[in-house]
């Protein structure tokens, strides 16, 4: 018969002494500042100007106006909402592609802004 070895008992871990909870200082919430690079106005070229206007505007506004155009003209694919189907104006903007994903769209749009 094999002798059973009893597992050596390890001393129980002592609970770490609890430190008194530090008083939380109420921080004053400050308004979030937009990134200066995004807020710098860029000039759209003629192709992009057909969609968002020809005045210099920040990148954020250009994207907002592009989405307004897409939604107004029902260009978002019905089944795959990430896919944007191009009409003639967007096809010129997307370099001749019939559809792009919303993530690729940004890349194509800002090739037409300086």
C-alpha atoms as a PDB file:
ATOM      1  CA  UNK A   1       0.000   0.000   0.000  1.00  0.00           C
ATOM      2  CA  UNK A   2       1.123   3.396  -0.926  1.00  0.00           C
ATOM      3  CA  UNK A   3       1.225   5.813   1.872  1.00  0.00           C
ATOM      4  CA  UNK A   4      -0.882   8.889   1.258  1.00  0.00           C
ATOM      5  CA  UNK A   5       0.943  12.096   1.704  1.00  0.00           C
ATOM      6  CA  UNK A   6      -0.862  14.800   3.463  1.00  0.00           C
ATOM      7  CA  UNK A   7      -0.526  18.169   1.880  1.00  0.00           C
ATOM      8  CA  UNK A   8       1.469  20.448   4.062  1.00  0.00           C
ATOM      9  CA  UNK A   9      -0.746  23.205   5.296  1.00  0.00           C
ATOM     10  CA  UNK A  10       0.363  26.612   4.195  1.00  0.00           C
ATOM     11  CA  UNK A  11      -0.172  29.404   6.619  1.00  0.00           C
ATOM     12  CA  UNK A  12      -3.270  31.367   5.702  1.00  0.00           C
ATOM     13  CA  UNK A  13      -2.606  34.653   3.953  1.00  0.00           C
ATOM     14  CA  UNK A  14      -3.210  37.568   6.177  1.00  0.00           C
ATOM     15  CA  UNK A  15      -5.561  40.163   4.783  1.00  0.00           C
ATOM     16  CA  UNK A  16      -3.700  43.324   3.966  1.00  0.00           C
ATOM     17  CA  UNK A  17      -4.369  46.022   6.458  1.00  0.00           C
ATOM     18  CA  UNK A  18      -6.957  48.302   4.963  1.00  0.00           C
ATOM     19  CA  UNK A  19      -5.913  51.865   4.520  1.00  0.00           C
ATOM     20  CA  UNK A  20      -8.463  54.488   5.299  1.00  0.00           C
ATOM     21  CA  UNK A  21     -10.198  55.625   2.126  1.00  0.00           C
ATOM     22  CA  UNK A  22      -8.631  58.744   0.704  1.00  0.00           C
ATOM     23  CA  UNK A  23     -10.996  61.645   0.458  1.00  0.00           C
ATOM     24  CA  UNK A  24     -11.921  62.325  -3.112  1.00  0.00           C
ATOM     25  CA  UNK A  25     -11.475  65.876  -4.169  1.00  0.00           C
ATOM     26  CA  UNK A  26     -14.299  67.012  -6.375  1.00  0.00           C
ATOM     27  CA  UNK A  27     -12.710  68.051  -9.648  1.00  0.00           C
ATOM     28  CA  UNK A  28     -14.287  70.840 -11.542  1.00  0.00           C
ATOM     29  CA  UNK A  29     -15.343  69.521 -14.937  1.00  0.00           C
ATOM     30  CA  UNK A  30     -13.864  71.560 -17.712  1.00  0.00           C
ATOM     31  CA  UNK A  31     -15.214  71.689 -21.208  1.00  0.00           C
ATOM     32  CA  UNK A  32     -13.432  69.319 -23.546  1.00  0.00           C
ATOM     33  CA  UNK A  33     -11.210  71.196 -25.969  1.00  0.00           C
ATOM     34  CA  UNK A  34     -11.250  70.060 -29.586  1.00  0.00           C
ATOM     35  CA  UNK A  35      -7.992  69.090 -31.239  1.00  0.00           C
ATOM     36  CA  UNK A  36      -6.563  72.117 -33.039  1.00  0.00           C
ATOM     37  CA  UNK A  37      -5.631  70.056 -36.112  1.00  0.00           C
ATOM     38  CA  UNK A  38      -9.238  69.026 -36.658  1.00  0.00           C
ATOM     39  CA  UNK A  39     -10.504  72.560 -36.170  1.00  0.00           C
ATOM     40  CA  UNK A  40      -8.121  74.142 -38.677  1.00  0.00           C
ATOM     41  CA  UNK A  41     -10.154  75.118 -41.758  1.00  0.00           C
ATOM     42  CA  UNK A  42      -9.277  73.261 -44.948  1.00  0.00           C
ATOM     43  CA  UNK A  43     -10.210  74.309 -48.475  1.00  0.00           C
ATOM     44  CA  UNK A  44     -12.312  71.756 -50.398  1.00  0.00           C
ATOM     45  CA  UNK A  45     -11.543  71.350 -54.110  1.00  0.00           C
ATOM     46  CA  UNK A  46     -14.261  71.534 -56.803  1.00  0.00           C
ATOM     47  CA  UNK A  47     -15.306  67.867 -56.457  1.00  0.00           C
ATOM     48  CA  UNK A  48     -15.753  68.042 -52.681  1.00  0.00           C
ATOM     49  CA  UNK A  49     -17.269  71.536 -52.907  1.00  0.00           C
ATOM     50  CA  UNK A  50     -20.210  70.071 -54.847  1.00  0.00           C
ATOM     51  CA  UNK A  51     -21.162  68.197 -51.673  1.00  0.00           C
ATOM     52  CA  UNK A  52     -20.097  70.387 -48.727  1.00  0.00           C
ATOM     53  CA  UNK A  53     -19.730  73.896 -50.155  1.00  0.00           C
ATOM     54  CA  UNK A  54     -16.714  75.831 -51.340  1.00  0.00           C
ATOM     55  CA  UNK A  55     -15.802  77.798 -48.197  1.00  0.00           C
ATOM     56  CA  UNK A  56     -12.895  76.681 -45.967  1.00  0.00           C
ATOM     57  CA  UNK A  57     -14.202  74.647 -43.026  1.00  0.00           C
ATOM     58  CA  UNK A  58     -12.869  72.335 -40.327  1.00  0.00           C
ATOM     59  CA  UNK A  59     -12.528  68.625 -41.057  1.00  0.00           C
ATOM     60  CA  UNK A  60     -15.274  67.871 -38.541  1.00  0.00           C
ATOM     61  CA  UNK A  61     -17.764  70.064 -40.406  1.00  0.00           C
ATOM     62  CA  UNK A  62     -16.827  68.517 -43.742  1.00  0.00           C
ATOM     63  CA  UNK A  63     -17.573  65.039 -42.372  1.00  0.00           C
ATOM     64  CA  UNK A  64     -20.860  66.205 -40.831  1.00  0.00           C
ATOM     65  CA  UNK A  65     -21.993  67.752 -44.119  1.00  0.00           C
ATOM     66  CA  UNK A  66     -20.950  64.655 -46.047  1.00  0.00           C
ATOM     67  CA  UNK A  67     -23.077  62.482 -43.752  1.00  0.00           C
ATOM     68  CA  UNK A  68     -26.010  64.870 -44.138  1.00  0.00           C
ATOM     69  CA  UNK A  69     -25.657  64.480 -47.926  1.00  0.00           C
ATOM     70  CA  UNK A  70     -25.455  60.672 -47.675  1.00  0.00           C
ATOM     71  CA  UNK A  71     -28.511  60.396 -45.443  1.00  0.00           C
ATOM     72  CA  UNK A  72     -30.539  62.956 -47.442  1.00  0.00           C
ATOM     73  CA  UNK A  73     -29.934  61.004 -50.665  1.00  0.00           C
ATOM     74  CA  UNK A  74     -30.363  57.550 -49.062  1.00  0.00           C
ATOM     75  CA  UNK A  75     -26.899  56.364 -50.082  1.00  0.00           C
ATOM     76  CA  UNK A  76     -26.199  54.083 -47.129  1.00  0.00           C
ATOM     77  CA  UNK A  77     -26.611  50.407 -48.070  1.00  0.00           C
ATOM     78  CA  UNK A  78     -29.819  48.907 -46.627  1.00  0.00           C
ATOM     79  CA  UNK A  79     -28.315  45.563 -45.543  1.00  0.00           C
ATOM     80  CA  UNK A  80     -24.732  46.554 -44.695  1.00  0.00           C
ATOM     81  CA  UNK A  81     -25.013  49.990 -43.099  1.00  0.00           C
ATOM     82  CA  UNK A  82     -21.224  50.424 -43.161  1.00  0.00           C
ATOM     83  CA  UNK A  83     -21.246  50.493 -46.952  1.00  0.00           C
ATOM     84  CA  UNK A  84     -21.847  53.781 -48.792  1.00  0.00           C
ATOM     85  CA  UNK A  85     -23.250  53.501 -52.322  1.00  0.00           C
ATOM     86  CA  UNK A  86     -22.018  56.322 -54.537  1.00  0.00           C
ATOM     87  CA  UNK A  87     -24.169  58.571 -56.694  1.00  0.00           C
ATOM     88  CA  UNK A  88     -22.420  60.484 -59.527  1.00  0.00           C
ATOM     89  CA  UNK A  89     -21.131  63.222 -57.193  1.00  0.00           C
ATOM     90  CA  UNK A  90     -19.746  60.744 -54.665  1.00  0.00           C
ATOM     91  CA  UNK A  91     -18.373  58.475 -57.377  1.00  0.00           C
ATOM     92  CA  UNK A  92     -16.100  61.323 -58.505  1.00  0.00           C
ATOM     93  CA  UNK A  93     -15.120  61.893 -54.873  1.00  0.00           C
ATOM     94  CA  UNK A  94     -14.364  58.185 -54.309  1.00  0.00           C
ATOM     95  CA  UNK A  95     -12.097  57.925 -57.339  1.00  0.00           C
ATOM     96  CA  UNK A  96     -14.629  56.099 -59.529  1.00  0.00           C
ATOM     97  CA  UNK A  97     -15.597  53.423 -56.991  1.00  0.00           C
ATOM     98  CA  UNK A  98     -19.282  52.504 -56.888  1.00  0.00           C
ATOM     99  CA  UNK A  99     -19.242  51.907 -53.124  1.00  0.00           C
ATOM    100  CA  UNK A 100     -16.852  52.268 -50.196  1.00  0.00           C
ATOM    101  CA  UNK A 101     -17.007  51.548 -46.485  1.00  0.00           C
ATOM    102  CA  UNK A 102     -17.569  54.432 -44.125  1.00  0.00           C
ATOM    103  CA  UNK A 103     -13.992  54.007 -42.878  1.00  0.00           C
ATOM    104  CA  UNK A 104     -12.501  54.300 -46.370  1.00  0.00           C
ATOM    105  CA  UNK A 105     -14.719  57.285 -47.076  1.00  0.00           C
ATOM    106  CA  UNK A 106     -12.667  59.591 -44.851  1.00  0.00           C
ATOM    107  CA  UNK A 107      -9.491  58.721 -46.736  1.00  0.00           C
ATOM    108  CA  UNK A 108     -11.068  59.595 -50.074  1.00  0.00           C
ATOM    109  CA  UNK A 109     -12.715  62.791 -48.824  1.00  0.00           C
ATOM    110  CA  UNK A 110      -9.586  64.359 -47.425  1.00  0.00           C
ATOM    111  CA  UNK A 111      -7.632  63.762 -50.616  1.00  0.00           C
ATOM    112  CA  UNK A 112      -9.868  66.548 -51.947  1.00  0.00           C
ATOM    113  CA  UNK A 113      -9.153  69.077 -49.177  1.00  0.00           C
ATOM    114  CA  UNK A 114      -6.062  71.205 -48.659  1.00  0.00           C
END
